[in-house]
Amino acid sequence: MLFFSFFKTLVDQEVTVELKNDIEIRGTLKTVDQYLNLKLDNVICLNEDKYPHMQSVKNLFIRGSTVRYVHMSSNTVDCTLLQDASRREAMAQSAK
């Protein structure tokens, strides 16, 4: 649940999603669910010369299992909050 909570803090931020089939898509993150499925608005494909059919796409749903990486701006990530949440989750797992 750590990543789900983290991605919920990125809603309305611009992210770049790299898919497992090498398509890179930049857009505004609108929603994320517990399976890390993403909905993006204002989408642009970063490698349009290789995938010209993506030029007409403006809104996109991406299944979480097809995502390789999610790139985001470093100033949108609160590292201390993420470290604290990681520690709490690790402590909860070790207590079980």
C-alpha atoms as a PDB file:
ATOM      1  CA  MET A   1       0.000   0.000   0.000  1.00  0.00           C
ATOM      2  CA  LEU A   2       3.021   2.277   0.295  1.00  0.00           C
ATOM      3  CA  PHE A   3       3.282   2.896  -3.439  1.00  0.00           C
ATOM      4  CA  PHE A   4      -0.468   3.394  -3.773  1.00  0.00           C
ATOM      5  CA  SER A   5      -0.384   6.057  -1.048  1.00  0.00           C
ATOM      6  CA  PHE A   6       2.670   7.649  -2.622  1.00  0.00           C
ATOM      7  CA  PHE A   7       1.121   7.861  -6.089  1.00  0.00           C
ATOM      8  CA  LYS A   8      -2.059   9.363  -4.639  1.00  0.00           C
ATOM      9  CA  THR A   9       0.070  12.325  -3.528  1.00  0.00           C
ATOM     10  CA  LEU A  10       1.123  12.834  -7.167  1.00  0.00           C
ATOM     11  CA  VAL A  11      -2.420  13.399  -8.481  1.00  0.00           C
ATOM     12  CA  ASP A  12      -2.561  16.502 -10.735  1.00  0.00           C
ATOM     13  CA  GLN A  13       1.231  16.408 -11.197  1.00  0.00           C
ATOM     14  CA  GLU A  14       2.973  15.843 -14.516  1.00  0.00           C
ATOM     15  CA  VAL A  15       4.589  12.398 -14.787  1.00  0.00           C
ATOM     16  CA  THR A  16       6.284  10.390 -17.518  1.00  0.00           C
ATOM     17  CA  VAL A  17       5.295   6.741 -17.739  1.00  0.00           C
ATOM     18  CA  GLU A  18       7.565   4.279 -19.514  1.00  0.00           C
ATOM     19  CA  LEU A  19       5.711   1.150 -20.572  1.00  0.00           C
ATOM     20  CA  LYS A  20       7.153  -2.330 -20.949  1.00  0.00           C
ATOM     21  CA  ASN A  21       6.786  -2.038 -24.738  1.00  0.00           C
ATOM     22  CA  ASP A  22       9.139   1.026 -24.714  1.00  0.00           C
ATOM     23  CA  ILE A  23       6.463   3.699 -25.252  1.00  0.00           C
ATOM     24  CA  GLU A  24       7.101   6.794 -23.119  1.00  0.00           C
ATOM     25  CA  ILE A  25       4.061   8.909 -22.297  1.00  0.00           C
ATOM     26  CA  ARG A  26       3.980  12.241 -20.474  1.00  0.00           C
ATOM     27  CA  GLY A  27       0.780  13.562 -18.976  1.00  0.00           C
ATOM     28  CA  THR A  28      -1.039  14.819 -15.916  1.00  0.00           C
ATOM     29  CA  LEU A  29      -1.831  12.060 -13.437  1.00  0.00           C
ATOM     30  CA  LYS A  30      -5.562  12.141 -12.704  1.00  0.00           C
ATOM     31  CA  THR A  31      -6.225   8.945 -10.760  1.00  0.00           C
ATOM     32  CA  VAL A  32      -4.466   5.883  -9.431  1.00  0.00           C
ATOM     33  CA  ASP A  33      -6.038   2.780  -7.895  1.00  0.00           C
ATOM     34  CA  GLN A  34      -4.843  -0.026  -5.629  1.00  0.00           C
ATOM     35  CA  TYR A  35      -3.554  -1.998  -8.643  1.00  0.00           C
ATOM     36  CA  LEU A  36      -1.477   1.050  -9.676  1.00  0.00           C
ATOM     37  CA  ASN A  37      -3.599   1.557 -12.790  1.00  0.00           C
ATOM     38  CA  LEU A  38      -3.099   5.146 -13.950  1.00  0.00           C
ATOM     39  CA  LYS A  39      -5.309   7.648 -15.740  1.00  0.00           C
ATOM     40  CA  LEU A  40      -3.493  10.466 -17.534  1.00  0.00           C
ATOM     41  CA  ASP A  41      -4.824  13.660 -19.148  1.00  0.00           C
ATOM     42  CA  ASN A  42      -3.091  15.961 -21.659  1.00  0.00           C
ATOM     43  CA  VAL A  43      -1.034  13.069 -22.964  1.00  0.00           C
ATOM     44  CA  ILE A  44       1.911  13.368 -25.338  1.00  0.00           C
ATOM     45  CA  CYS A  45       4.040  10.496 -26.564  1.00  0.00           C
ATOM     46  CA  LEU A  46       7.749  11.262 -26.227  1.00  0.00           C
ATOM     47  CA  ASN A  47       8.770   8.970 -29.088  1.00  0.00           C
ATOM     48  CA  GLU A  48       6.096   9.923 -31.651  1.00  0.00           C
ATOM     49  CA  ASP A  49       8.348   9.166 -34.608  1.00  0.00           C
ATOM     50  CA  LYS A  50       8.350   5.515 -33.557  1.00  0.00           C
ATOM     51  CA  TYR A  51       4.647   5.454 -32.549  1.00  0.00           C
ATOM     52  CA  PRO A  52       2.796   7.963 -34.791  1.00  0.00           C
ATOM     53  CA  HIS A  53      -0.610   6.502 -33.918  1.00  0.00           C
ATOM     54  CA  MET A  54      -0.228   7.954 -30.402  1.00  0.00           C
ATOM     55  CA  GLN A  55      -0.434  11.567 -31.652  1.00  0.00           C
ATOM     56  CA  SER A  56      -4.227  11.661 -31.498  1.00  0.00           C
ATOM     57  CA  VAL A  57      -4.490  10.313 -27.948  1.00  0.00           C
ATOM     58  CA  LYS A  58      -5.280  12.967 -25.327  1.00  0.00           C
ATOM     59  CA  ASN A  59      -6.535  10.923 -22.337  1.00  0.00           C
ATOM     60  CA  LEU A  60      -5.259   7.517 -21.391  1.00  0.00           C
ATOM     61  CA  PHE A  61      -5.844   4.625 -18.999  1.00  0.00           C
ATOM     62  CA  ILE A  62      -2.727   2.564 -18.301  1.00  0.00           C
ATOM     63  CA  ARG A  63      -2.974  -0.836 -16.680  1.00  0.00           C
ATOM     64  CA  GLY A  64      -0.523  -1.077 -13.782  1.00  0.00           C
ATOM     65  CA  SER A  65       0.989  -4.354 -14.973  1.00  0.00           C
ATOM     66  CA  THR A  66       2.211  -2.718 -18.203  1.00  0.00           C
ATOM     67  CA  VAL A  67       4.234   0.015 -16.465  1.00  0.00           C
ATOM     68  CA  ARG A  68       8.009  -0.298 -16.349  1.00  0.00           C
ATOM     69  CA  TYR A  69       8.900   3.072 -14.769  1.00  0.00           C
ATOM     70  CA  VAL A  70       7.166   6.238 -13.629  1.00  0.00           C
ATOM     71  CA  HIS A  71       9.393   9.316 -13.840  1.00  0.00           C
ATOM     72  CA  MET A  72       8.509  12.421 -11.879  1.00  0.00           C
ATOM     73  CA  SER A  73      10.054  15.725 -10.965  1.00  0.00           C
ATOM     74  CA  SER A  74      12.287  15.533  -7.906  1.00  0.00           C
ATOM     75  CA  ASN A  75      10.606  18.557  -6.333  1.00  0.00           C
ATOM     76  CA  THR A  76       7.230  16.735  -6.249  1.00  0.00           C
ATOM     77  CA  VAL A  77       8.613  13.955  -4.031  1.00  0.00           C
ATOM     78  CA  ASP A  78       8.669  14.509  -0.279  1.00  0.00           C
ATOM     79  CA  CYS A  79      11.603  12.254   0.626  1.00  0.00           C
ATOM     80  CA  THR A  80      11.213  12.543   4.399  1.00  0.00           C
ATOM     81  CA  LEU A  81       7.550  11.568   4.230  1.00  0.00           C
ATOM     82  CA  LEU A  82       8.397   8.633   1.978  1.00  0.00           C
ATOM     83  CA  GLN A  83      11.190   7.473   4.297  1.00  0.00           C
ATOM     84  CA  ASP A  84       8.926   7.684   7.344  1.00  0.00           C
ATOM     85  CA  ALA A  85       6.186   5.732   5.579  1.00  0.00           C
ATOM     86  CA  SER A  86       8.732   3.088   4.524  1.00  0.00           C
ATOM     87  CA  ARG A  87       9.954   2.748   8.108  1.00  0.00           C
ATOM     88  CA  ARG A  88       6.418   2.412   9.459  1.00  0.00           C
ATOM     89  CA  GLU A  89       5.547  -0.250   6.883  1.00  0.00           C
ATOM     90  CA  ALA A  90       8.758  -2.180   7.601  1.00  0.00           C
ATOM     91  CA  MET A  91       8.050  -2.052  11.347  1.00  0.00           C
ATOM     92  CA  ALA A  92       4.500  -3.284  10.764  1.00  0.00           C
ATOM     93  CA  GLN A  93       5.785  -6.166   8.636  1.00  0.00           C
ATOM     94  CA  SER A  94       8.393  -7.188  11.212  1.00  0.00           C
ATOM     95  CA  ALA A  95       5.781  -7.128  13.999  1.00  0.00           C
ATOM     96  CA  LYS A  96       3.697  -9.773  12.232  1.00  0.00           C
END
